[in-house]
Amino acid sequence: MITTDGRLTYHELADRVDEVAYRLGSHRRLVLVPGANTVDGLVTYLGALCGGHVVLLAAGDNATAIDGLIATYDPDVVARPVGGEWLLDERRERSSHELHPDLALLLSTSGSTGSPKLVRLSHENLQANAAAIVEYLGIRPSDRAATSLPMHYCYGLSVVHSHLLAGATLILTDLSVVDACFWDVFREAGGTTFAGVPHTFDLLDRVGFATMRLPRLRYITQAGGRLAPDTVRRYAELGRSQGWDFYVMYGQTEATARMAYLPSSLAVSRPEAVGVPIAGGRFALEPVPEADRPDVGELVYYGPNVMLGYAESPQDLALGRTVHALRTGDL
């Protein structure tokens, strides 16, 4: 991991993760972690996850949302950044909750970081989705990905998971792409990739991205909502002219992150498409009785990255799988 303060090797990262896991102990608990694109934030998250605890990953920049999740879910441990140091507020030694053995991670549903409704994800969900992303993007140990999205957001978290799984490097930053310092950090660290949502590309246009010199850029990914086909084609053509690939992707928090991707070779000719299912996944079109048109169906996704189900109260943390197919809501 590369930060403005220095670098951390995988060996050093593993030691620090083990320290957090040791401090949390062997009794499985519900641990609230505010998401942060920092070494301490990531180490705390990974330490809780690797220690076998259930992580409730919250929006680190939203104190109201964090307070709401604490009030609703009553976590056993709350991690807090205090005065430049991350502290573990251990509210009880053993969990007061019944935690299903498959449960690993709780994420807020897309666009509702203050909602008590959470997505329940398993270790299998995280592993399968990260592995599929590594495969279709061809992530290499030599890749260096900037954390251009917040870690508590499933898309930003998937960048972290997939690059750690591939043995690649993370450039940890919470700077915006409109900040000149972001591009200074990216170039100096030898950045090869970054991720964006549709609004990111409006910002890139504003800062003159097309004329930037980024010698090691290998590919850009886009998800988090539909990008206008004209913009997809424009960025795909820009990539072709400058030697990098552009991947449009489709996903939901309920699918851990990704369900489909558009191969970069098709981005110019099929800019309106979400692409093909990720490895291990498949789609079906199922009838929608209330639809006005009989030729309209709902896109339903099947795969090992489909969530266990939702949680709306602490009692739901005891549940196993309640969802087997993800009805996307997209027609």
Protein backbone atom coordinates (compact mmCIF):
# COMPACT_ATOMS: atom_id res chain seq x y z
CA MET A 1 0.00 0.00 0.00
CA ILE A 2 1.22 3.45 -0.96
CA THR A 3 0.22 6.56 0.98
CA THR A 4 1.53 10.11 1.21
CA ASP A 5 3.25 9.00 4.45
CA GLY A 6 5.08 6.02 3.01
CA ARG A 7 4.63 2.41 1.93
CA LEU A 8 3.46 -0.78 3.58
CA THR A 9 4.45 -4.21 2.26
CA TYR A 10 2.17 -7.24 2.34
CA HIS A 11 4.31 -8.69 5.13
CA GLU A 12 3.90 -5.51 7.21
CA LEU A 13 0.19 -5.39 6.39
CA ALA A 14 -0.28 -8.99 7.52
CA ASP A 15 1.48 -8.30 10.82
CA ARG A 16 -0.73 -5.29 11.52
CA VAL A 17 -3.89 -7.16 10.55
CA ASP A 18 -2.90 -10.00 12.90
CA GLU A 19 -2.43 -7.49 15.72
CA VAL A 20 -5.99 -6.19 15.31
CA ALA A 21 -7.38 -9.73 15.09
CA TYR A 22 -5.49 -10.62 18.29
CA ARG A 23 -6.80 -7.55 20.13
CA LEU A 24 -10.37 -8.43 19.16
CA GLY A 25 -9.96 -11.92 20.57
CA SER A 26 -11.43 -15.27 19.64
CA HIS A 27 -15.03 -14.64 20.73
CA ARG A 28 -16.94 -13.72 17.61
CA ARG A 29 -18.49 -10.25 17.82
CA LEU A 30 -20.26 -7.59 15.77
CA VAL A 31 -17.68 -4.89 14.99
CA LEU A 32 -18.65 -1.51 13.52
CA VAL A 33 -15.87 -0.04 11.38
CA PRO A 34 -16.13 3.41 9.78
CA GLY A 35 -14.85 3.14 6.23
CA ALA A 36 -11.70 5.16 5.53
CA ASN A 37 -9.18 5.14 2.69
CA THR A 38 -6.30 5.06 5.17
CA VAL A 39 -3.88 2.40 6.36
CA ASP A 40 -5.39 2.33 9.87
CA GLY A 41 -8.93 2.17 8.52
CA LEU A 42 -8.12 -0.68 6.14
CA VAL A 43 -6.06 -2.58 8.74
CA THR A 44 -8.94 -2.34 11.25
CA TYR A 45 -11.42 -3.61 8.67
CA LEU A 46 -9.20 -6.50 7.55
CA GLY A 47 -8.26 -7.39 11.13
CA ALA A 48 -11.90 -7.75 12.16
CA LEU A 49 -12.74 -9.71 9.02
CA CYS A 50 -9.72 -12.02 9.28
CA GLY A 51 -10.42 -12.56 12.98
CA GLY A 52 -13.74 -14.13 12.06
CA HIS A 53 -15.87 -11.28 13.37
CA VAL A 54 -18.87 -9.78 11.61
CA VAL A 55 -18.00 -6.34 10.24
CA LEU A 56 -20.60 -3.60 9.96
CA LEU A 57 -18.90 -1.21 7.54
CA ALA A 58 -20.27 2.31 7.93
CA ALA A 59 -19.82 5.58 6.06
CA GLY A 60 -16.84 7.05 7.86
CA ASP A 61 -17.73 10.62 6.88
CA ASN A 62 -21.32 10.45 8.17
CA ALA A 63 -21.52 10.65 11.97
CA THR A 64 -25.33 10.69 11.90
CA ALA A 65 -25.43 7.44 9.92
CA ILE A 66 -22.92 5.83 12.30
CA ASP A 67 -24.96 6.87 15.34
CA GLY A 68 -28.08 5.46 13.70
CA LEU A 69 -26.43 2.10 13.01
CA ILE A 70 -25.12 1.95 16.60
CA ALA A 71 -28.61 2.66 17.94
CA THR A 72 -30.22 0.05 15.68
CA TYR A 73 -27.68 -2.79 15.73
CA ASP A 74 -25.93 -2.27 19.09
CA PRO A 75 -22.47 -3.48 17.93
CA ASP A 76 -20.24 -5.24 20.46
CA VAL A 77 -17.20 -3.24 19.35
CA VAL A 78 -17.02 0.20 17.73
CA ALA A 79 -13.79 1.23 16.00
CA ARG A 80 -13.15 4.97 16.10
CA PRO A 81 -10.40 7.21 14.72
CA VAL A 82 -9.47 9.47 17.65
CA GLY A 83 -6.64 11.99 17.45
CA GLY A 84 -4.89 10.24 14.58
CA GLU A 85 -5.15 6.79 16.21
CA TRP A 86 -7.76 4.08 15.73
CA LEU A 87 -9.27 2.86 19.00
CA LEU A 88 -11.46 -0.17 19.64
CA ASP A 89 -14.35 0.67 21.94
CA GLU A 90 -15.14 -2.78 23.33
CA ARG A 91 -18.66 -2.44 24.65
CA ARG A 92 -18.81 -6.07 25.78
CA GLU A 93 -16.42 -9.04 25.84
CA ARG A 94 -18.83 -11.45 24.18
CA SER A 95 -21.49 -10.76 21.61
CA SER A 96 -25.02 -10.06 22.72
CA HIS A 97 -26.17 -11.13 19.24
CA GLU A 98 -26.65 -14.48 17.59
CA LEU A 99 -24.39 -14.29 14.53
CA HIS A 100 -24.87 -16.79 11.72
CA PRO A 101 -21.63 -18.68 10.97
CA ASP A 102 -21.71 -17.69 7.28
CA LEU A 103 -22.13 -13.98 7.98
CA ALA A 104 -19.00 -11.89 7.32
CA LEU A 105 -19.97 -8.36 6.31
CA LEU A 106 -22.88 -5.92 6.54
CA LEU A 107 -23.14 -3.09 4.01
CA SER A 108 -25.70 -0.34 3.58
CA THR A 109 -27.83 -0.73 0.48
CA SER A 110 -26.86 1.51 -2.45
CA GLY A 111 -27.69 5.15 -1.87
CA SER A 112 -29.03 4.67 1.66
CA THR A 113 -26.04 4.92 3.99
CA GLY A 114 -28.30 6.18 6.81
CA SER A 115 -30.82 3.36 6.45
CA PRO A 116 -31.00 0.53 9.00
CA LYS A 117 -31.58 -1.89 6.11
CA LEU A 118 -28.32 -3.75 5.46
CA VAL A 119 -27.07 -6.34 2.97
CA ARG A 120 -25.81 -9.55 4.62
CA LEU A 121 -22.72 -10.93 2.84
CA SER A 122 -20.79 -14.14 3.43
CA HIS A 123 -17.08 -14.95 3.12
CA GLU A 124 -17.98 -16.93 -0.03
CA ASN A 125 -19.69 -13.85 -1.50
CA LEU A 126 -16.57 -11.72 -0.95
CA GLN A 127 -14.13 -14.34 -2.22
CA ALA A 128 -16.15 -15.30 -5.31
CA ASN A 129 -16.79 -11.73 -6.43
CA ALA A 130 -13.20 -10.60 -5.88
CA ALA A 131 -11.91 -13.62 -7.83
CA ALA A 132 -14.29 -12.95 -10.73
CA ILE A 133 -13.21 -9.30 -10.90
CA VAL A 134 -9.54 -10.29 -10.91
CA GLU A 135 -10.27 -12.66 -13.78
CA TYR A 136 -12.20 -10.40 -16.14
CA LEU A 137 -10.03 -7.32 -15.55
CA GLY A 138 -6.85 -9.38 -15.68
CA ILE A 139 -5.54 -7.71 -12.52
CA ARG A 140 -1.80 -8.29 -12.12
CA PRO A 141 0.54 -8.03 -9.12
CA SER A 142 2.14 -5.10 -10.95
CA ASP A 143 -1.11 -3.11 -11.01
CA ARG A 144 -1.48 -0.06 -8.79
CA ALA A 145 -5.05 1.04 -8.13
CA ALA A 146 -5.99 4.40 -6.64
CA THR A 147 -8.83 4.38 -4.11
CA SER A 148 -10.87 6.94 -6.02
CA LEU A 149 -14.11 5.82 -4.30
CA PRO A 150 -14.96 5.48 -0.59
CA MET A 151 -14.27 2.12 1.03
CA HIS A 152 -17.73 1.81 2.62
CA TYR A 153 -19.28 1.83 -0.88
CA CYS A 154 -19.42 -1.68 -2.37
CA TYR A 155 -17.74 -0.55 -5.60
CA GLY A 156 -14.85 1.08 -3.74
CA LEU A 157 -14.56 -1.95 -1.46
CA SER A 158 -14.47 -4.32 -4.45
CA VAL A 159 -11.42 -2.44 -5.76
CA VAL A 160 -9.70 -3.07 -2.41
CA HIS A 161 -10.68 -6.76 -2.25
CA SER A 162 -9.78 -7.62 -5.84
CA HIS A 163 -6.39 -5.92 -5.80
CA LEU A 164 -5.42 -7.46 -2.46
CA LEU A 165 -6.46 -10.88 -3.80
CA ALA A 166 -4.26 -10.36 -6.87
CA GLY A 167 -1.27 -9.24 -4.81
CA ALA A 168 -1.43 -5.80 -6.44
CA THR A 169 -0.79 -2.39 -4.89
CA LEU A 170 -3.34 0.05 -3.47
CA ILE A 171 -2.70 3.79 -3.65
CA LEU A 172 -4.63 4.90 -0.58
CA THR A 173 -6.13 8.36 -0.94
CA ASP A 174 -9.38 10.15 -0.23
CA LEU A 175 -8.61 12.98 -2.66
CA SER A 176 -11.10 13.80 -5.41
CA VAL A 177 -10.25 13.46 -9.09
CA VAL A 178 -10.80 17.24 -9.40
CA ASP A 179 -7.91 17.81 -7.00
CA ALA A 180 -4.60 18.31 -8.80
CA CYS A 181 -2.91 16.54 -5.88
CA PHE A 182 -4.82 13.33 -6.76
CA TRP A 183 -3.08 13.19 -10.13
CA ASP A 184 0.29 14.07 -8.59
CA VAL A 185 -0.12 11.13 -6.19
CA PHE A 186 -1.34 8.87 -9.00
CA ARG A 187 1.61 9.65 -11.28
CA GLU A 188 4.26 9.51 -8.54
CA ALA A 189 2.93 6.13 -7.34
CA GLY A 190 2.88 4.72 -10.88
CA GLY A 191 -0.91 4.32 -10.93
CA THR A 192 -2.29 1.89 -13.50
CA THR A 193 -6.03 2.10 -12.80
CA PHE A 194 -8.83 3.93 -11.03
CA ALA A 195 -12.60 3.52 -10.73
CA GLY A 196 -15.39 5.98 -11.40
CA VAL A 197 -19.15 6.44 -11.12
CA PRO A 198 -21.04 8.48 -13.78
CA HIS A 199 -20.40 11.76 -11.93
CA THR A 200 -16.65 11.00 -11.92
CA PHE A 201 -16.59 11.33 -15.71
CA ASP A 202 -18.27 14.73 -15.58
CA LEU A 203 -15.47 15.77 -13.22
CA LEU A 204 -12.81 14.26 -15.47
CA ASP A 205 -14.14 16.32 -18.38
CA ARG A 206 -13.96 19.43 -16.19
CA VAL A 207 -10.28 18.91 -15.28
CA GLY A 208 -9.15 18.14 -18.83
CA PHE A 209 -8.44 14.44 -18.31
CA ALA A 210 -8.11 13.80 -22.06
CA THR A 211 -4.89 15.82 -22.20
CA MET A 212 -3.29 14.42 -19.04
CA ARG A 213 -0.08 12.45 -19.25
CA LEU A 214 -0.52 9.20 -17.30
CA PRO A 215 2.20 6.92 -18.68
CA ARG A 216 1.31 3.78 -16.70
CA LEU A 217 -2.49 3.93 -16.97
CA ARG A 218 -3.70 0.50 -18.10
CA TYR A 219 -7.48 0.64 -17.69
CA ILE A 220 -10.38 2.60 -16.16
CA THR A 221 -13.55 1.04 -14.77
CA GLN A 222 -17.04 2.53 -14.51
CA ALA A 223 -20.09 1.39 -12.51
CA GLY A 224 -22.51 2.85 -9.98
CA GLY A 225 -25.20 3.79 -12.51
CA ARG A 226 -25.75 4.07 -16.24
CA LEU A 227 -23.19 6.13 -18.13
CA ALA A 228 -24.56 7.78 -21.27
CA PRO A 229 -23.64 5.69 -24.35
CA ASP A 230 -22.04 8.72 -26.03
CA THR A 231 -19.76 9.15 -23.01
CA VAL A 232 -18.92 5.43 -22.98
CA ARG A 233 -17.97 5.56 -26.65
CA ARG A 234 -15.95 8.77 -26.18
CA TYR A 235 -13.90 7.36 -23.29
CA ALA A 236 -13.44 4.02 -25.05
CA GLU A 237 -12.10 5.82 -28.13
CA LEU A 238 -9.87 8.00 -25.96
CA GLY A 239 -8.49 4.87 -24.33
CA ARG A 240 -7.80 3.26 -27.70
CA SER A 241 -5.89 6.33 -28.85
CA GLN A 242 -3.85 6.55 -25.64
CA GLY A 243 -3.27 2.84 -24.98
CA TRP A 244 -5.61 2.02 -22.09
CA ASP A 245 -8.87 0.03 -21.79
CA PHE A 246 -12.29 1.17 -20.62
CA TYR A 247 -14.57 -1.26 -18.79
CA VAL A 248 -18.23 -0.50 -18.13
CA MET A 249 -19.61 -2.70 -15.35
CA TYR A 250 -23.02 -3.49 -13.83
CA GLY A 251 -23.65 -4.43 -10.22
CA GLN A 252 -25.48 -3.96 -6.95
CA THR A 253 -24.53 -4.16 -3.28
CA GLU A 254 -26.88 -7.17 -3.12
CA ALA A 255 -24.51 -8.96 -5.53
CA THR A 256 -21.49 -8.06 -3.35
CA ALA A 257 -20.47 -5.69 -6.14
CA ARG A 258 -20.33 -6.89 -9.75
CA MET A 259 -22.74 -8.93 -11.89
CA ALA A 260 -21.64 -8.05 -15.44
CA TYR A 261 -18.99 -6.24 -17.43
CA LEU A 262 -18.71 -4.97 -20.98
CA PRO A 263 -15.49 -6.25 -22.59
CA SER A 264 -13.44 -3.20 -23.53
CA SER A 265 -13.33 -4.38 -27.16
CA LEU A 266 -17.11 -3.84 -27.38
CA ALA A 267 -17.28 -0.45 -25.65
CA VAL A 268 -17.23 1.48 -28.95
CA SER A 269 -19.70 -0.73 -30.84
CA ARG A 270 -22.09 -1.52 -27.94
CA PRO A 271 -21.82 1.44 -25.54
CA GLU A 272 -25.42 1.01 -24.34
CA ALA A 273 -24.90 -2.56 -23.05
CA VAL A 274 -24.05 -3.82 -19.56
CA GLY A 275 -22.14 -6.68 -21.19
CA VAL A 276 -21.79 -10.30 -20.13
CA PRO A 277 -22.14 -12.05 -16.75
CA ILE A 278 -19.04 -12.38 -14.58
CA ALA A 279 -17.50 -15.83 -14.12
CA GLY A 280 -19.86 -18.07 -12.16
CA GLY A 281 -22.89 -15.85 -12.75
CA ARG A 282 -25.85 -15.94 -15.11
CA PHE A 283 -28.88 -13.82 -15.98
CA ALA A 284 -32.49 -14.66 -16.73
CA LEU A 285 -35.38 -12.51 -17.90
CA GLU A 286 -38.49 -13.26 -15.87
CA PRO A 287 -42.03 -12.04 -16.56
CA VAL A 288 -43.34 -8.96 -14.79
CA PRO A 289 -47.11 -9.42 -14.41
CA GLU A 290 -47.74 -5.74 -13.70
CA ALA A 291 -45.76 -4.55 -16.74
CA ASP A 292 -47.83 -2.88 -19.45
CA ARG A 293 -45.92 -4.69 -22.20
CA PRO A 294 -45.76 -8.50 -22.42
CA ASP A 295 -42.28 -8.33 -23.98
CA VAL A 296 -40.77 -6.66 -20.89
CA GLY A 297 -39.04 -8.84 -18.29
CA GLU A 298 -37.12 -8.27 -15.07
CA LEU A 299 -33.40 -9.02 -15.10
CA VAL A 300 -32.68 -11.70 -12.47
CA TYR A 301 -29.14 -12.66 -11.48
CA TYR A 302 -27.85 -15.99 -10.14
CA GLY A 303 -24.34 -16.56 -8.78
CA PRO A 304 -22.15 -17.27 -5.74
CA ASN A 305 -21.92 -13.52 -5.03
CA VAL A 306 -25.66 -13.11 -4.39
CA MET A 307 -26.18 -11.87 -0.83
CA LEU A 308 -27.48 -14.06 1.98
CA GLY A 309 -30.35 -11.58 2.34
CA TYR A 310 -31.23 -8.32 4.07
CA ALA A 311 -31.02 -7.35 7.73
CA GLU A 312 -33.37 -4.78 9.23
CA SER A 313 -32.77 -5.56 12.90
CA PRO A 314 -30.17 -7.35 15.07
CA GLN A 315 -32.38 -10.46 15.09
CA ASP A 316 -31.78 -10.86 11.33
CA LEU A 317 -28.06 -11.42 11.95
CA ALA A 318 -28.90 -14.98 13.00
CA LEU A 319 -30.44 -15.78 9.62
CA GLY A 320 -28.76 -17.90 6.97
CA ARG A 321 -29.48 -17.62 3.28
CA THR A 322 -32.93 -16.23 2.52
CA VAL A 323 -32.21 -15.09 -1.06
CA HIS A 324 -31.15 -17.45 -3.86
CA ALA A 325 -31.78 -15.29 -6.92
CA LEU A 326 -31.31 -11.54 -7.07
CA ARG A 327 -34.24 -9.72 -8.61
CA THR A 328 -32.45 -6.59 -9.78
CA GLY A 329 -35.50 -4.42 -10.27
CA ASP A 330 -34.20 -3.53 -13.74
CA LEU A 331 -36.63 -4.07 -16.63
